[in-house]
Amino acid sequence: MKNLTGIVLIVLQMALGWSQESARPSTVEPLRVGVVGLVHDHVGWILDRGKMGDIEIVGIVEPNKELAKRRLKRYGYSMDLVYDTLEEMVEATKPEAVNAFNSTYDHLKTVQYCAPRGIHIMVEKPLAVSWEHVKEMAALAKKHNIHLLTNYETTWYGSNHKAYSFIKSKNAIGDTRRIIFHTGHKGPIEIGCTPEFLAWLTDPILNGAGALMDFGCYGANLTTWLMDGTPPESVTCLTKQIKPALYPKVDDDATIILNYPEAEVIIQASWNWPHNVKDMEVYGTTGFIKCKNGTNMEIMTDEKKGMSEIKADPLAKGYDDPFALFQKVVKEDYKIHPNDPTALENNILVVQILEAAKESAKTGQTILWKEMYPSQ
């Protein structure tokens, strides 16, 4: 009966879309996780919900003790959990998995140490700073049979999943012709990011670029999902330093154009928006869908019928949160489709897109996919 239930759930997932799978109660022990780094301001996500029962934070790696005290005091954790190095934390606590909140550059080091020890990994977006890093990370994950997932805020937007269902299951707007993303905010300094976060986020080595990496990855990730894992034929990118006094080492504005045989994708990633924004517009041959945020949407299936405003339901409980999903993947053998936003295969392609975008911005040329990645 258990196997039959699993088969039914997989069939429902394929038919209705990843986010529509019905939640099932978990009787499995919580996933023992280590938190690697506190220098990413998104770390509050796991610290704020780490005591819900599906995961157990058994150790934290952070050599900066003042930062650790500040973070842990806010969320009620003991400094006894904190270790100076990944090696010390793993040896002392034996985690089943780790969540990486270190710099994007250090994701590779995390995989290099954890993968051979059979420790599963989830990193904050993007997966890596470069194609060279990704090749080694993916090879290690495959060799040692571990899960290597990437977390994005937009993965958990009900609007994105409802749009996916409309486009894929219902063909509500016809064939996709154009996708547009607006992602970013006023700038990491302007919105008050911590000094520890800014130190690597605005570094071209540790972050791989500026706004191009920080926010360009969202559009690349969702596009890869919507395009069923198909790479673009070409990538064109223009970057700017609108505020060089604030961000002298990296771009603070990027426009990425992905060319597909019958569609075009425009990703506008910037630290120069007047507001916080992560939206998506998908235009088809007969209509459009606009995801204005995680909930609010506009849809037009036929111009004669006009446009409707709708709200997306939250994702099913247990599938609406990165750490709950991580627990299901590791402890319950929950299968993630290779095109899904968290999947390794999707995020390999994301980094390839970002790498091509950086090359285009550097050279001023459109990058042909088959020339940059001839083996694909």
Protein backbone atom coordinates (compact mmCIF):
# COMPACT_ATOMS: atom_id res chain seq x y z
CA MET A 1 0.00 0.00 0.00
CA LYS A 2 2.85 2.39 0.80
CA ASN A 3 4.41 1.85 -2.63
CA LEU A 4 1.03 2.30 -4.30
CA THR A 5 0.51 5.58 -2.49
CA GLY A 6 3.90 6.80 -3.67
CA ILE A 7 3.05 5.92 -7.27
CA VAL A 8 -0.27 7.76 -7.06
CA LEU A 9 1.45 10.85 -5.66
CA ILE A 10 4.02 10.85 -8.46
CA VAL A 11 1.25 10.57 -11.07
CA LEU A 12 -0.60 13.48 -9.46
CA GLN A 13 2.62 15.51 -9.43
CA MET A 14 3.15 14.96 -13.15
CA ALA A 15 -0.47 15.76 -13.99
CA LEU A 16 -1.06 18.78 -11.81
CA GLY A 17 2.36 20.36 -11.39
CA TRP A 18 4.97 20.19 -8.63
CA SER A 19 3.19 22.58 -6.28
CA GLN A 20 -0.20 20.89 -6.48
CA GLU A 21 0.78 17.59 -4.90
CA SER A 22 -1.31 16.84 -1.84
CA ALA A 23 0.59 16.94 1.39
CA ARG A 24 0.95 13.77 3.42
CA PRO A 25 1.69 13.57 7.11
CA SER A 26 5.27 12.75 8.04
CA THR A 27 6.09 10.25 10.77
CA VAL A 28 9.81 10.28 9.95
CA GLU A 29 12.39 11.56 12.42
CA PRO A 30 13.50 15.18 11.84
CA LEU A 31 16.38 15.77 9.48
CA ARG A 32 19.60 16.52 11.37
CA VAL A 33 21.06 19.59 9.64
CA GLY A 34 24.10 21.76 10.05
CA VAL A 35 24.02 25.42 9.09
CA VAL A 36 27.19 26.40 7.22
CA GLY A 37 27.80 30.11 7.62
CA LEU A 38 25.81 33.00 9.05
CA VAL A 39 27.09 35.66 6.63
CA HIS A 40 24.06 35.40 4.35
CA ASP A 41 21.14 37.54 5.50
CA HIS A 42 18.73 34.86 4.28
CA VAL A 43 19.92 32.63 7.14
CA GLY A 44 17.09 34.00 9.25
CA TRP A 45 14.82 31.81 7.14
CA ILE A 46 16.11 28.59 8.67
CA LEU A 47 16.80 30.03 12.13
CA ASP A 48 13.26 31.37 12.36
CA ARG A 49 11.63 28.01 11.67
CA GLY A 50 14.25 25.51 12.76
CA LYS A 51 12.21 24.28 15.73
CA MET A 52 9.10 23.19 13.83
CA GLY A 53 9.94 19.50 14.18
CA ASP A 54 10.78 18.45 10.62
CA ILE A 55 14.41 19.51 10.92
CA GLU A 56 16.82 19.75 13.85
CA ILE A 57 19.71 22.21 13.73
CA VAL A 58 22.54 20.24 15.34
CA GLY A 59 25.43 22.59 14.61
CA ILE A 60 26.35 25.92 13.09
CA VAL A 61 29.63 26.86 11.39
CA GLU A 62 30.64 30.48 11.94
CA PRO A 63 34.11 31.69 12.98
CA ASN A 64 32.85 35.25 13.52
CA LYS A 65 31.62 34.92 17.09
CA GLU A 66 30.18 38.43 17.30
CA LEU A 67 28.05 37.73 14.24
CA ALA A 68 27.03 34.36 15.68
CA LYS A 69 25.99 35.93 18.99
CA ARG A 70 23.94 38.55 17.20
CA ARG A 71 22.16 36.07 14.94
CA LEU A 72 21.53 33.41 17.57
CA LYS A 73 20.34 35.78 20.27
CA ARG A 74 17.62 37.01 17.92
CA TYR A 75 16.33 33.48 17.29
CA GLY A 76 16.94 31.95 20.71
CA TYR A 77 19.75 29.50 19.97
CA SER A 78 22.68 28.64 22.22
CA MET A 79 26.24 29.49 21.26
CA ASP A 80 27.04 25.88 22.19
CA LEU A 81 25.88 25.01 18.66
CA VAL A 82 28.58 27.13 17.03
CA TYR A 83 31.83 25.73 15.62
CA ASP A 84 34.73 27.49 13.94
CA THR A 85 35.04 25.10 11.02
CA LEU A 86 32.93 22.74 8.95
CA GLU A 87 35.26 19.90 9.90
CA GLU A 88 34.71 20.48 13.62
CA MET A 89 30.95 20.73 13.26
CA VAL A 90 30.64 17.54 11.19
CA GLU A 91 32.93 15.57 13.50
CA ALA A 92 31.04 16.65 16.61
CA THR A 93 27.43 16.52 15.42
CA LYS A 94 27.28 14.05 12.49
CA PRO A 95 24.64 15.93 10.46
CA GLU A 96 22.70 14.13 7.72
CA ALA A 97 22.56 17.32 5.67
CA VAL A 98 23.76 20.90 5.62
CA ASN A 99 22.19 24.18 4.56
CA ALA A 100 24.81 26.57 3.20
CA PHE A 101 24.47 30.25 4.08
CA ASN A 102 28.06 31.14 3.27
CA SER A 103 29.29 33.06 0.22
CA THR A 104 28.40 31.65 -3.19
CA TYR A 105 32.12 31.12 -3.83
CA ASP A 106 32.33 28.89 -0.75
CA HIS A 107 29.56 26.58 -1.97
CA LEU A 108 32.23 24.58 -3.78
CA LYS A 109 34.25 24.07 -0.59
CA THR A 110 31.10 22.94 1.20
CA VAL A 111 30.42 20.32 -1.47
CA GLN A 112 34.07 19.23 -1.59
CA TYR A 113 33.98 18.40 2.12
CA CYS A 114 30.41 17.13 2.56
CA ALA A 115 29.82 15.07 -0.58
CA PRO A 116 32.51 12.41 0.10
CA ARG A 117 31.02 11.98 3.57
CA GLY A 118 27.52 11.34 2.23
CA ILE A 119 26.12 14.61 3.61
CA HIS A 120 23.33 16.12 1.53
CA ILE A 121 23.46 19.83 0.71
CA MET A 122 21.08 22.69 0.04
CA VAL A 123 22.61 26.07 -0.87
CA GLU A 124 21.08 29.50 -1.14
CA LYS A 125 20.75 30.73 -4.71
CA PRO A 126 22.59 30.67 -7.01
CA LEU A 127 24.27 27.28 -6.99
CA ALA A 128 27.78 28.56 -7.76
CA VAL A 129 29.81 31.52 -8.96
CA SER A 130 31.00 29.88 -12.18
CA TRP A 131 30.68 27.03 -14.63
CA GLU A 132 34.04 25.67 -13.47
CA HIS A 133 32.77 25.41 -9.89
CA VAL A 134 29.51 23.79 -11.01
CA LYS A 135 31.22 21.07 -13.01
CA GLU A 136 33.16 19.92 -9.97
CA MET A 137 30.18 20.23 -7.62
CA ALA A 138 27.89 18.23 -9.90
CA ALA A 139 30.53 15.54 -10.41
CA LEU A 140 31.01 15.17 -6.66
CA ALA A 141 27.26 14.97 -6.03
CA LYS A 142 26.90 12.26 -8.65
CA LYS A 143 29.95 10.29 -7.53
CA HIS A 144 28.88 10.21 -3.89
CA ASN A 145 25.14 9.93 -4.55
CA ILE A 146 24.08 12.96 -2.53
CA HIS A 147 21.32 15.49 -3.09
CA LEU A 148 22.55 18.98 -4.04
CA LEU A 149 19.64 21.42 -4.07
CA THR A 150 19.34 25.19 -4.52
CA ASN A 151 16.84 27.37 -2.68
CA TYR A 152 15.12 30.42 -4.19
CA GLU A 153 12.46 32.55 -2.57
CA THR A 154 10.41 32.41 -5.77
CA THR A 155 10.25 28.60 -5.66
CA TRP A 156 7.65 28.95 -2.92
CA TYR A 157 5.42 31.52 -4.67
CA GLY A 158 1.95 30.11 -5.21
CA SER A 159 1.56 32.46 -8.17
CA ASN A 160 4.48 30.93 -10.05
CA HIS A 161 3.12 27.43 -9.60
CA LYS A 162 -0.38 28.45 -10.63
CA ALA A 163 1.07 30.10 -13.73
CA TYR A 164 3.02 26.92 -14.49
CA SER A 165 -0.18 24.88 -14.20
CA PHE A 166 -2.10 27.25 -16.48
CA ILE A 167 0.68 27.17 -19.07
CA LYS A 168 1.55 23.47 -18.95
CA SER A 169 -1.64 21.66 -17.99
CA LYS A 170 -4.35 23.90 -19.38
CA ASN A 171 -2.56 25.63 -22.26
CA ALA A 172 -4.50 28.69 -21.12
CA ILE A 173 -2.50 31.28 -23.07
CA GLY A 174 -1.31 29.28 -26.05
CA ASP A 175 2.33 28.73 -26.94
CA THR A 176 4.79 30.81 -24.93
CA ARG A 177 6.33 33.64 -26.93
CA ARG A 178 7.80 36.04 -24.37
CA ILE A 179 8.72 35.96 -20.68
CA ILE A 180 9.77 39.06 -18.74
CA PHE A 181 11.20 39.23 -15.24
CA HIS A 182 11.72 42.29 -13.02
CA THR A 183 13.84 41.34 -10.01
CA GLY A 184 15.69 43.36 -7.42
CA HIS A 185 15.41 46.27 -5.01
CA LYS A 186 16.97 49.68 -4.27
CA GLY A 187 20.34 48.08 -3.55
CA PRO A 188 21.82 45.96 -0.75
CA ILE A 189 23.37 48.97 0.96
CA GLU A 190 20.21 51.04 0.60
CA ILE A 191 17.94 48.37 2.09
CA GLY A 192 20.26 47.83 5.07
CA CYS A 193 21.97 44.49 4.47
CA THR A 194 24.43 43.55 7.20
CA PRO A 195 28.15 44.36 6.78
CA GLU A 196 28.98 40.65 6.73
CA PHE A 197 26.56 40.06 3.84
CA LEU A 198 27.73 43.12 1.92
CA ALA A 199 31.37 42.07 2.25
CA TRP A 200 30.91 39.15 -0.14
CA LEU A 201 27.75 40.16 -2.04
CA THR A 202 29.57 43.14 -3.56
CA ASP A 203 32.76 41.20 -4.32
CA PRO A 204 33.23 39.96 -7.93
CA ILE A 205 35.03 36.82 -6.78
CA LEU A 206 32.90 35.78 -3.82
CA ASN A 207 29.57 36.55 -5.54
CA GLY A 208 30.64 36.06 -9.14
CA ALA A 209 29.23 39.47 -10.17
CA GLY A 210 26.78 41.98 -8.70
CA ALA A 211 23.09 42.31 -9.51
CA LEU A 212 23.60 40.00 -12.48
CA MET A 213 24.21 37.06 -10.15
CA ASP A 214 22.15 38.24 -7.19
CA PHE A 215 18.92 38.70 -9.14
CA GLY A 216 19.57 37.39 -12.64
CA CYS A 217 19.48 33.85 -11.26
CA TYR A 218 15.76 34.07 -10.44
CA GLY A 219 14.71 34.60 -14.02
CA ALA A 220 17.16 31.99 -15.32
CA ASN A 221 15.83 29.46 -12.80
CA LEU A 222 12.14 30.00 -13.55
CA THR A 223 12.77 30.13 -17.30
CA THR A 224 14.55 26.78 -17.19
CA TRP A 225 11.53 25.36 -15.34
CA LEU A 226 9.03 26.80 -17.82
CA MET A 227 11.15 25.77 -20.82
CA ASP A 228 11.39 22.15 -19.64
CA GLY A 229 15.15 22.28 -19.19
CA THR A 230 15.88 23.42 -22.75
CA PRO A 231 18.85 25.81 -22.99
CA PRO A 232 18.55 29.04 -25.00
CA GLU A 233 20.11 29.32 -28.44
CA SER A 234 21.91 32.50 -27.43
CA VAL A 235 22.47 34.86 -24.51
CA THR A 236 22.94 38.63 -24.66
CA CYS A 237 23.63 40.81 -21.63
CA LEU A 238 24.23 44.46 -20.86
CA THR A 239 25.46 45.49 -17.40
CA LYS A 240 25.89 48.92 -15.84
CA GLN A 241 27.42 50.58 -12.81
CA ILE A 242 24.84 53.24 -12.12
CA LYS A 243 26.17 53.75 -8.58
CA PRO A 244 29.94 53.17 -8.80
CA ALA A 245 30.54 55.09 -5.57
CA LEU A 246 28.48 52.48 -3.71
CA TYR A 247 29.35 49.41 -5.79
CA PRO A 248 32.78 50.04 -7.33
CA LYS A 249 33.70 46.39 -7.96
CA VAL A 250 30.53 44.92 -9.48
CA ASP A 251 27.60 45.70 -11.73
CA ASP A 252 24.45 47.05 -10.08
CA ASP A 253 22.19 46.64 -13.11
CA ALA A 254 21.88 43.86 -15.71
CA THR A 255 19.57 43.08 -18.60
CA ILE A 256 19.80 39.51 -19.90
CA ILE A 257 18.12 38.38 -23.12
CA LEU A 258 17.67 34.66 -23.76
CA ASN A 259 16.78 33.65 -27.29
CA TYR A 260 14.81 30.46 -27.90
CA PRO A 261 13.57 29.17 -31.29
CA GLU A 262 10.05 30.53 -30.77
CA ALA A 263 10.36 32.67 -27.65
CA GLU A 264 12.37 35.46 -26.04
CA VAL A 265 13.11 35.95 -22.35
CA ILE A 266 14.09 39.29 -20.83
CA ILE A 267 15.55 39.28 -17.30
CA GLN A 268 15.89 42.73 -15.74
CA ALA A 269 18.01 42.32 -12.61
CA SER A 270 18.90 45.45 -10.70
CA TRP A 271 19.90 47.14 -7.49
CA ASN A 272 18.23 50.29 -8.85
CA TRP A 273 14.52 49.60 -8.59
CA PRO A 274 12.44 52.08 -6.55
CA HIS A 275 10.85 49.12 -4.72
CA ASN A 276 11.35 45.46 -3.90
CA VAL A 277 10.23 43.41 -6.89
CA LYS A 278 10.18 39.78 -8.03
CA ASP A 279 7.55 39.43 -10.73
CA MET A 280 7.04 37.41 -13.89
CA GLU A 281 5.07 38.06 -17.08
CA VAL A 282 4.40 35.26 -19.57
CA TYR A 283 2.88 36.11 -22.94
CA GLY A 284 1.50 33.42 -25.21
CA THR A 285 -0.15 33.31 -28.62
CA THR A 286 -3.64 33.86 -27.18
CA GLY A 287 -3.16 35.51 -23.79
CA PHE A 288 -0.91 36.35 -20.87
CA ILE A 289 -0.26 35.63 -17.21
CA LYS A 290 1.34 38.13 -14.86
CA CYS A 291 2.58 37.09 -11.43
CA LYS A 292 2.79 40.41 -9.62
CA ASN A 293 4.17 38.83 -6.44
CA GLY A 294 3.82 35.54 -4.63
CA THR A 295 0.03 35.71 -4.55
CA ASN A 296 -1.52 38.32 -6.85
CA MET A 297 -1.92 37.54 -10.54
CA GLU A 298 -3.48 38.87 -13.72
CA ILE A 299 -4.59 36.55 -16.50
CA MET A 300 -6.04 37.02 -19.96
CA THR A 301 -6.88 33.92 -21.98
CA ASP A 302 -8.71 35.78 -24.75
CA GLU A 303 -8.51 39.47 -25.57
CA LYS A 304 -12.27 39.60 -26.19
CA LYS A 305 -12.94 38.31 -22.66
CA GLY A 306 -10.60 40.81 -21.05
CA MET A 307 -8.25 40.52 -18.12
CA SER A 308 -9.02 39.00 -14.71
CA GLU A 309 -7.31 39.50 -11.38
CA ILE A 310 -6.90 36.35 -9.31
CA LYS A 311 -5.05 35.19 -6.23
CA ALA A 312 -2.99 32.04 -6.00
CA ASP A 313 -3.46 29.66 -3.11
CA PRO A 314 -0.48 28.89 -0.90
CA LEU A 315 1.41 25.71 -1.73
CA ALA A 316 0.42 22.53 0.07
CA LYS A 317 1.70 22.22 3.62
CA GLY A 318 5.04 20.45 3.64
CA TYR A 319 5.78 21.52 0.07
CA ASP A 320 5.74 25.25 0.73
CA ASP A 321 9.11 25.58 2.43
CA PRO A 322 12.70 24.68 1.45
CA PHE A 323 13.59 22.90 4.67
CA ALA A 324 10.41 20.83 4.80
CA LEU A 325 11.09 19.75 1.22
CA PHE A 326 14.72 18.97 2.04
CA GLN A 327 13.55 16.70 4.85
CA LYS A 328 11.22 14.85 2.49
CA VAL A 329 13.92 14.43 -0.13
CA VAL A 330 16.50 13.02 2.30
CA LYS A 331 14.36 11.14 4.79
CA GLU A 332 11.35 10.09 2.70
CA ASP A 333 12.99 9.66 -0.72
CA TYR A 334 10.73 12.30 -2.25
CA LYS A 335 11.63 12.67 -5.94
CA ILE A 336 12.26 16.10 -7.42
CA HIS A 337 11.87 16.43 -11.19
CA PRO A 338 15.12 17.53 -12.89
CA ASN A 339 13.43 20.68 -14.23
CA ASP A 340 12.05 21.77 -10.85
CA PRO A 341 13.46 25.03 -9.44
CA THR A 342 15.40 23.34 -6.61
CA ALA A 343 16.87 20.54 -8.76
CA LEU A 344 20.57 20.22 -9.55
CA GLU A 345 19.93 19.80 -13.27
CA ASN A 346 17.94 23.03 -13.44
CA ASN A 347 20.59 24.95 -11.53
CA ILE A 348 23.49 23.67 -13.61
CA LEU A 349 21.75 25.32 -16.55
CA VAL A 350 21.14 28.49 -14.49
CA VAL A 351 24.87 28.90 -13.84
CA GLN A 352 25.63 28.26 -17.50
CA ILE A 353 23.18 31.03 -18.46
CA LEU A 354 24.75 33.42 -15.95
CA GLU A 355 28.24 32.54 -17.16
CA ALA A 356 27.21 33.25 -20.75
CA ALA A 357 25.62 36.52 -19.61
CA LYS A 358 28.86 37.60 -17.92
CA GLU A 359 30.81 36.75 -21.06
CA SER A 360 28.37 38.73 -23.21
CA ALA A 361 28.58 41.76 -20.92
CA LYS A 362 32.38 41.55 -20.93
CA THR A 363 32.80 41.22 -24.70
CA GLY A 364 29.78 43.18 -25.91
CA GLN A 365 28.81 40.20 -28.06
CA THR A 366 25.88 37.83 -28.19
CA ILE A 367 27.00 34.42 -26.96
CA LEU A 368 25.90 31.42 -29.01
CA TRP A 369 25.10 28.51 -26.73
CA LYS A 370 26.58 25.77 -28.89
CA GLU A 371 29.85 27.67 -29.21
CA MET A 372 30.23 28.23 -25.46
CA TYR A 373 28.92 24.79 -24.49
CA PRO A 374 29.71 22.58 -27.51
CA SER A 375 29.06 19.29 -25.69
CA GLN A 376 25.39 20.11 -25.18
